[in-house]
N, C-alpha and C. Protein backbone atom coordinates (compact mmCIF):
# COMPACT_ATOMS: atom_id res chain seq x y z
N ALA A 1 4.66 13.11 2.13
CA ALA A 1 4.12 12.14 3.08
C ALA A 1 3.70 10.88 2.35
N GLY A 2 3.19 11.04 1.13
CA GLY A 2 2.73 9.88 0.36
C GLY A 2 3.84 8.92 0.04
N SER A 3 5.02 9.46 -0.35
CA SER A 3 6.12 8.56 -0.71
C SER A 3 6.61 7.80 0.52
N GLY A 4 6.52 8.41 1.70
CA GLY A 4 6.90 7.72 2.92
C GLY A 4 6.04 6.50 3.17
N CYS A 5 4.73 6.63 2.87
CA CYS A 5 3.82 5.49 3.05
C CYS A 5 4.14 4.38 2.08
N VAL A 6 4.45 4.76 0.83
CA VAL A 6 4.79 3.75 -0.18
C VAL A 6 6.07 3.04 0.23
N ARG A 7 7.05 3.80 0.69
CA ARG A 7 8.32 3.20 1.10
C ARG A 7 8.12 2.25 2.27
N ALA A 8 7.34 2.67 3.25
CA ALA A 8 7.08 1.81 4.41
C ALA A 8 6.38 0.53 3.98
N ALA A 9 5.44 0.65 3.08
CA ALA A 9 4.72 -0.53 2.59
C ALA A 9 5.67 -1.46 1.85
N SER A 10 6.59 -0.90 1.06
CA SER A 10 7.51 -1.76 0.32
C SER A 10 8.51 -2.44 1.26
N VAL A 11 8.95 -1.74 2.30
CA VAL A 11 9.83 -2.36 3.29
C VAL A 11 9.09 -3.49 4.00
N ASP A 12 7.82 -3.25 4.38
CA ASP A 12 7.01 -4.30 5.01
C ASP A 12 6.88 -5.51 4.11
N SER A 13 6.62 -5.28 2.82
CA SER A 13 6.46 -6.41 1.91
C SER A 13 7.77 -7.16 1.73
N MET A 14 8.91 -6.43 1.75
CA MET A 14 10.20 -7.10 1.66
C MET A 14 10.43 -7.96 2.89
N LEU A 15 10.08 -7.45 4.07
CA LEU A 15 10.23 -8.23 5.30
C LEU A 15 9.32 -9.45 5.27
N ASP A 16 8.08 -9.28 4.80
CA ASP A 16 7.16 -10.41 4.70
C ASP A 16 7.70 -11.46 3.76
N ALA A 17 8.30 -11.04 2.65
CA ALA A 17 8.86 -11.98 1.68
C ALA A 17 10.08 -12.69 2.27
N HIS A 18 10.81 -11.99 3.14
CA HIS A 18 12.00 -12.54 3.77
C HIS A 18 11.65 -13.64 4.77
N GLN A 19 10.55 -13.49 5.49
CA GLN A 19 10.19 -14.45 6.54
C GLN A 19 10.04 -15.89 6.05
N PRO A 20 9.27 -16.14 4.97
CA PRO A 20 9.17 -17.54 4.52
C PRO A 20 10.51 -18.12 4.10
N ARG A 21 11.38 -17.31 3.49
CA ARG A 21 12.70 -17.79 3.10
C ARG A 21 13.51 -18.19 4.33
N MET A 22 13.48 -17.35 5.36
CA MET A 22 14.22 -17.65 6.59
C MET A 22 13.65 -18.90 7.25
N TYR A 23 12.33 -19.03 7.23
CA TYR A 23 11.70 -20.20 7.83
C TYR A 23 12.13 -21.47 7.09
N LYS A 24 12.09 -21.43 5.76
CA LYS A 24 12.50 -22.60 4.97
C LYS A 24 13.97 -22.93 5.22
N GLU A 25 14.81 -21.88 5.26
CA GLU A 25 16.23 -22.09 5.52
C GLU A 25 16.44 -22.70 6.90
N SER A 26 15.73 -22.20 7.90
CA SER A 26 15.89 -22.73 9.26
C SER A 26 15.43 -24.19 9.32
N MET A 27 14.37 -24.52 8.59
CA MET A 27 13.86 -25.90 8.60
C MET A 27 14.90 -26.87 8.04
N ARG A 28 15.67 -26.44 7.05
CA ARG A 28 16.70 -27.31 6.46
C ARG A 28 17.85 -27.55 7.42
N ARG A 29 18.03 -26.67 8.39
CA ARG A 29 19.17 -26.76 9.29
C ARG A 29 18.86 -27.48 10.60
N ILE A 30 17.63 -27.90 10.79
CA ILE A 30 17.26 -28.62 12.01
C ILE A 30 17.81 -30.04 11.95
N VAL A 31 18.45 -30.45 13.03
CA VAL A 31 18.99 -31.81 13.13
C VAL A 31 17.99 -32.62 13.95
N PRO A 32 17.36 -33.61 13.34
CA PRO A 32 16.34 -34.40 14.05
C PRO A 32 16.88 -34.98 15.35
N GLY A 33 16.12 -34.77 16.41
CA GLY A 33 16.46 -35.33 17.71
C GLY A 33 17.43 -34.52 18.54
N SER A 34 18.16 -33.58 17.93
CA SER A 34 19.15 -32.80 18.67
C SER A 34 18.46 -31.82 19.61
N LYS A 35 18.95 -31.77 20.84
CA LYS A 35 18.40 -30.86 21.84
C LYS A 35 19.35 -29.70 22.12
N THR A 36 20.51 -29.70 21.45
CA THR A 36 21.54 -28.71 21.74
C THR A 36 21.75 -27.75 20.59
N LEU A 37 21.72 -26.46 20.92
CA LEU A 37 22.03 -25.41 19.96
C LEU A 37 23.43 -24.89 20.27
N ILE A 38 24.14 -24.51 19.22
CA ILE A 38 25.43 -23.85 19.37
C ILE A 38 25.25 -22.41 18.92
N ALA A 39 25.60 -21.49 19.78
CA ALA A 39 25.53 -20.06 19.46
C ALA A 39 26.96 -19.57 19.25
N ARG A 40 27.26 -19.07 18.06
CA ARG A 40 28.61 -18.60 17.72
C ARG A 40 28.60 -17.09 17.50
N GLY A 41 29.71 -16.46 17.88
CA GLY A 41 29.83 -15.02 17.71
C GLY A 41 29.35 -14.24 18.92
N LEU A 42 29.36 -14.88 20.07
CA LEU A 42 28.90 -14.21 21.30
C LEU A 42 29.94 -13.18 21.76
N PRO A 43 29.47 -12.09 22.35
CA PRO A 43 30.42 -11.13 22.92
C PRO A 43 31.15 -11.76 24.10
N VAL A 44 32.39 -11.35 24.33
CA VAL A 44 33.20 -11.97 25.39
C VAL A 44 32.69 -11.67 26.79
N ASP A 45 31.78 -10.71 26.93
CA ASP A 45 31.26 -10.41 28.26
C ASP A 45 29.86 -10.98 28.50
N VAL A 46 29.42 -11.90 27.64
CA VAL A 46 28.11 -12.52 27.85
C VAL A 46 28.18 -13.40 29.10
N SER A 47 27.06 -13.53 29.80
CA SER A 47 27.05 -14.33 31.03
C SER A 47 26.10 -15.52 30.89
N MET A 48 26.31 -16.50 31.73
CA MET A 48 25.42 -17.68 31.76
C MET A 48 23.98 -17.26 32.07
N PRO A 49 23.74 -16.42 33.11
CA PRO A 49 22.36 -16.02 33.37
C PRO A 49 21.72 -15.31 32.17
N GLN A 50 22.51 -14.55 31.44
CA GLN A 50 21.98 -13.86 30.26
C GLN A 50 21.56 -14.88 29.20
N LEU A 51 22.40 -15.87 28.94
CA LEU A 51 22.05 -16.91 27.97
C LEU A 51 20.82 -17.68 28.42
N ARG A 52 20.76 -18.01 29.71
CA ARG A 52 19.61 -18.75 30.22
C ARG A 52 18.32 -17.95 30.07
N SER A 53 18.41 -16.64 30.27
CA SER A 53 17.20 -15.81 30.15
C SER A 53 16.76 -15.69 28.69
N ILE A 54 17.71 -15.65 27.76
CA ILE A 54 17.36 -15.56 26.34
C ILE A 54 16.73 -16.86 25.85
N PHE A 55 17.37 -17.98 26.15
CA PHE A 55 16.92 -19.26 25.60
C PHE A 55 15.86 -19.94 26.47
N GLY A 56 15.84 -19.64 27.76
CA GLY A 56 14.90 -20.28 28.67
C GLY A 56 13.44 -19.97 28.39
N VAL A 57 13.16 -18.89 27.65
CA VAL A 57 11.77 -18.57 27.33
C VAL A 57 11.17 -19.58 26.36
N TYR A 58 12.01 -20.38 25.69
CA TYR A 58 11.51 -21.35 24.71
C TYR A 58 11.29 -22.73 25.31
N GLY A 59 11.72 -22.93 26.55
CA GLY A 59 11.52 -24.21 27.22
C GLY A 59 12.60 -24.44 28.25
N PRO A 60 12.39 -25.44 29.12
CA PRO A 60 13.37 -25.70 30.17
C PRO A 60 14.72 -26.13 29.59
N LEU A 61 15.77 -25.62 30.20
CA LEU A 61 17.12 -25.95 29.76
C LEU A 61 17.71 -27.05 30.62
N ARG A 62 18.38 -27.97 29.98
CA ARG A 62 19.11 -29.01 30.71
C ARG A 62 20.46 -28.46 31.15
N GLY A 63 21.05 -27.60 30.32
CA GLY A 63 22.34 -27.02 30.70
C GLY A 63 22.84 -26.03 29.66
N THR A 64 23.78 -25.22 30.10
CA THR A 64 24.46 -24.30 29.19
C THR A 64 25.96 -24.44 29.44
N TYR A 65 26.72 -24.35 28.38
CA TYR A 65 28.17 -24.48 28.48
C TYR A 65 28.78 -23.30 27.73
N LEU A 66 29.56 -22.52 28.43
CA LEU A 66 30.18 -21.31 27.90
C LEU A 66 31.69 -21.44 28.11
N PRO A 67 32.40 -22.04 27.13
CA PRO A 67 33.83 -22.30 27.33
C PRO A 67 34.68 -21.04 27.38
N ARG A 68 35.71 -21.13 28.19
CA ARG A 68 36.68 -20.04 28.34
C ARG A 68 38.06 -20.55 27.91
N ASN A 69 38.91 -19.65 27.50
CA ASN A 69 40.28 -20.01 27.17
C ASN A 69 41.00 -20.34 28.49
N MET A 70 41.43 -21.57 28.63
CA MET A 70 42.06 -22.00 29.88
C MET A 70 43.57 -22.21 29.73
N ASP A 71 44.15 -21.65 28.67
CA ASP A 71 45.60 -21.73 28.49
C ASP A 71 46.26 -20.61 29.30
N PRO A 72 46.96 -20.96 30.40
CA PRO A 72 47.53 -19.91 31.25
C PRO A 72 48.60 -19.08 30.54
N GLN A 73 49.13 -19.58 29.43
CA GLN A 73 50.15 -18.83 28.67
C GLN A 73 49.52 -17.80 27.74
N ALA A 74 48.22 -17.93 27.47
CA ALA A 74 47.55 -17.05 26.50
C ALA A 74 47.24 -15.70 27.10
N ALA A 75 47.31 -14.68 26.27
CA ALA A 75 46.99 -13.32 26.70
C ALA A 75 45.52 -13.20 27.09
N ASP A 76 44.68 -14.02 26.46
CA ASP A 76 43.24 -13.95 26.74
C ASP A 76 42.79 -15.08 27.67
N TYR A 77 43.66 -15.48 28.59
CA TYR A 77 43.35 -16.53 29.56
C TYR A 77 42.09 -16.16 30.35
N GLY A 78 41.15 -17.10 30.43
CA GLY A 78 39.92 -16.90 31.19
C GLY A 78 38.82 -16.20 30.42
N VAL A 79 39.12 -15.74 29.23
CA VAL A 79 38.13 -15.01 28.42
C VAL A 79 37.24 -16.01 27.68
N ILE A 80 35.97 -15.67 27.58
CA ILE A 80 35.01 -16.52 26.87
C ILE A 80 35.44 -16.66 25.42
N LYS A 81 35.33 -17.89 24.90
CA LYS A 81 35.79 -18.18 23.55
C LYS A 81 34.85 -17.67 22.45
N GLY A 82 33.66 -17.22 22.81
CA GLY A 82 32.77 -16.64 21.81
C GLY A 82 31.67 -17.57 21.32
N TYR A 83 31.56 -18.74 21.93
CA TYR A 83 30.46 -19.62 21.57
C TYR A 83 29.91 -20.30 22.82
N ALA A 84 28.72 -20.86 22.68
CA ALA A 84 28.10 -21.56 23.81
C ALA A 84 27.27 -22.72 23.29
N HIS A 85 27.11 -23.72 24.12
CA HIS A 85 26.20 -24.84 23.86
C HIS A 85 25.02 -24.66 24.80
N ILE A 86 23.82 -24.66 24.23
CA ILE A 86 22.60 -24.52 25.02
C ILE A 86 21.79 -25.79 24.81
N THR A 87 21.60 -26.56 25.86
CA THR A 87 20.90 -27.85 25.75
C THR A 87 19.53 -27.74 26.42
N PHE A 88 18.51 -28.05 25.64
CA PHE A 88 17.14 -28.04 26.13
C PHE A 88 16.76 -29.43 26.64
N MET A 89 15.71 -29.48 27.44
CA MET A 89 15.20 -30.77 27.92
C MET A 89 14.59 -31.57 26.76
N TRP A 90 13.95 -30.85 25.83
CA TRP A 90 13.26 -31.52 24.72
C TRP A 90 13.65 -30.92 23.38
N HIS A 91 13.71 -31.77 22.39
CA HIS A 91 14.03 -31.37 21.02
C HIS A 91 13.09 -30.29 20.51
N GLU A 92 11.81 -30.43 20.79
CA GLU A 92 10.81 -29.47 20.29
C GLU A 92 11.09 -28.05 20.78
N ASP A 93 11.59 -27.92 22.01
CA ASP A 93 11.91 -26.60 22.54
C ASP A 93 13.14 -26.02 21.84
N ALA A 94 14.11 -26.87 21.54
CA ALA A 94 15.30 -26.42 20.80
C ALA A 94 14.89 -25.93 19.41
N VAL A 95 13.98 -26.66 18.78
CA VAL A 95 13.48 -26.27 17.45
C VAL A 95 12.75 -24.93 17.54
N ARG A 96 11.93 -24.76 18.56
CA ARG A 96 11.18 -23.51 18.72
C ARG A 96 12.14 -22.33 18.89
N ALA A 97 13.17 -22.49 19.71
CA ALA A 97 14.16 -21.42 19.92
C ALA A 97 14.91 -21.14 18.62
N PHE A 98 15.30 -22.19 17.93
CA PHE A 98 16.04 -22.04 16.68
C PHE A 98 15.22 -21.28 15.64
N ARG A 99 13.96 -21.69 15.48
CA ARG A 99 13.09 -21.01 14.51
C ARG A 99 12.88 -19.55 14.86
N ALA A 100 12.74 -19.25 16.14
CA ALA A 100 12.48 -17.88 16.57
C ALA A 100 13.71 -16.98 16.39
N LEU A 101 14.89 -17.53 16.60
CA LEU A 101 16.10 -16.71 16.63
C LEU A 101 16.97 -16.81 15.38
N TYR A 102 16.78 -17.84 14.57
CA TYR A 102 17.66 -18.08 13.43
C TYR A 102 17.67 -16.88 12.47
N GLY A 103 18.86 -16.40 12.18
CA GLY A 103 19.02 -15.32 11.21
C GLY A 103 18.67 -13.94 11.73
N GLN A 104 18.26 -13.84 13.00
CA GLN A 104 17.88 -12.52 13.53
C GLN A 104 18.27 -12.36 14.99
N PHE A 105 19.28 -13.09 15.42
CA PHE A 105 19.72 -13.03 16.81
C PHE A 105 20.96 -12.13 16.90
N TYR A 106 20.78 -11.01 17.57
CA TYR A 106 21.86 -10.05 17.78
C TYR A 106 22.02 -9.82 19.28
N LEU A 107 23.25 -9.76 19.72
CA LEU A 107 23.53 -9.49 21.12
C LEU A 107 24.57 -8.38 21.18
N ARG A 108 24.20 -7.27 21.79
CA ARG A 108 25.05 -6.08 21.84
C ARG A 108 25.50 -5.64 20.46
N GLY A 109 24.57 -5.72 19.51
CA GLY A 109 24.84 -5.27 18.15
C GLY A 109 25.59 -6.26 17.28
N GLU A 110 25.98 -7.39 17.83
CA GLU A 110 26.72 -8.39 17.07
C GLU A 110 25.80 -9.54 16.68
N TYR A 111 25.91 -9.99 15.43
CA TYR A 111 25.10 -11.12 14.96
C TYR A 111 25.60 -12.40 15.61
N VAL A 112 24.67 -13.19 16.13
CA VAL A 112 24.99 -14.47 16.74
C VAL A 112 24.42 -15.57 15.84
N GLU A 113 25.31 -16.43 15.37
CA GLU A 113 24.90 -17.52 14.47
C GLU A 113 24.47 -18.72 15.30
N LEU A 114 23.36 -19.33 14.91
CA LEU A 114 22.87 -20.52 15.60
C LEU A 114 22.94 -21.73 14.71
N GLU A 115 23.25 -22.86 15.29
CA GLU A 115 23.20 -24.12 14.58
C GLU A 115 22.91 -25.22 15.59
N PHE A 116 22.43 -26.34 15.09
CA PHE A 116 22.19 -27.50 15.94
C PHE A 116 23.49 -28.29 16.08
N ALA A 117 23.73 -28.80 17.28
CA ALA A 117 24.86 -29.72 17.49
C ALA A 117 24.49 -31.04 16.86
N ARG A 118 25.47 -31.71 16.32
CA ARG A 118 25.23 -33.00 15.67
C ARG A 118 25.70 -34.15 16.55
């Protein structure tokens, strides 16, 4: 039982050490004034309401854009391309969402990469 406590404490300390690094990394990736985040690696069955519920907790959204393959010749016609643009009303809300989700956003077990639109 004792070694389990030591292991848990060491995992906690590793996570604590990881947080400042992730915060510093996320701060370097913020684009001043940008209100739009790009989410890459989304599952093809993600929905607009689902994206709005995930990102809307950080502030009011101006809009979300979830592009689909519109080439009628393609086998995956109509399928979501795997990325979305999420635009907030204010830059500060986009920053808050980015800081909260950067490096730890998973949807249906898949890692979703976030970046600011330029």
